[in-house]
């Protein structure tokens, strides 16, 4: 038994628990049951992956072949859990007096990335290539974080540079923090921390999809959006087209194991449409990303602020149910709304003040292309990627500045 993604990835369910799933009863009941079953199955597979990952350096299954046994989502998550634990261990060793602990760990990171790149060079299977490339993408960022610790001689685990990273811990759900967890309390699960915000990984299956290159801009965006959730607000990335507003929000939801639905807003949207969207998001705990939010007409926007405020008030008061559009609805407090805006385009509305107050804004700018280029080269099997990336970015920026502005020169 198992489930298959539209990209062809198959995930086998563990035989003991939760075992096979019986489809019976009304459609809405068995679909909800199937969703819960898949989440429990993914948690159990993650536990196996996390346990077997401890023998990467010692056993006969190094990481580059270990990842064949697990789906892309869980291979990546187990890798991030191990990275968090090993980094914390390096900090402990430094406090105990080992001055080279972080440098040694940086070498281990570089060695693991090299071995993955060599795997990409030989791999013909498209599904496996996508999986390895996804892990390289996140690994490169992890290596850069460790490198910054070495360069800045950081030896304290409470330093903001470490605390501001997404950190993944394999532990029990802490009681009394009002965290939404779909794992039974007697079982360990993945706990995610960034700054002073904590959440539980929710095991929404996403399939074998790639992940964005994490640049310093992405890091800052993650901090702002998670702090917005910490304050029970929505997030509002704003900036020119092509800066990754929607994609960064989608990527953060994948990192947290949350479902996300993207809506392309237009002036055809009415307050009834938005009410139904908020009803759906609140009842399943999903995120909604409203693209080009300021296209919606001003009359509708003023009603949207009332609708979303009733959701946020219910989250703040830790209610199990709340009223929206005269209907009593169940509330899953992981729900959130994110609005992306292109300022200064024709036909865009200025947001009302009472709506602005419900969203925390993030200014998005053009990302650093050097990081993205380095990652793309590594993913295609280039080992000395950093030097090549600098040369390519310089070459392309010179072309952009010196060549004519014709359409076929799209730099």
Foldseek 3Di string as FASTA:
>chain_A
DFDADPVGDTDDFDCPPPHDADDDDDPVVSVVVVQLRLQQRLQVVLVVLLVVQVCLPPDPQHLLRSCVVGFLLSSLQSVQQVLLVQVVVLLVVVVVPDQCSLVVVLVVLLVSLLVLLVVLQPDDDPLSLLSSLQNSLVSVVSSVLSVVCNVVVDNDCPDLSNLQDWHKHFAFDDPPPLEDESDPRVHTFIWIGGNHAIYTQRQQDDGSHHAARDFVLLSVQLSQQRVLLVVLFAAEEEEAPPLCQPRSVVRSCSVSNAAEAEAEDACPDALVNLLVVLLVCFQRLHEYEYEQVQRHDQVNLVSNLVQSVQLSVCLVVVHQWTDGPNDIGGGDSNYHYYYYHYPPDPNGHDHDPSNVVRYDYDYGDRGDQLSVQLSVCSSNNDSPSNVVSVVVVVVLVCCVVPPDPDPVSDD
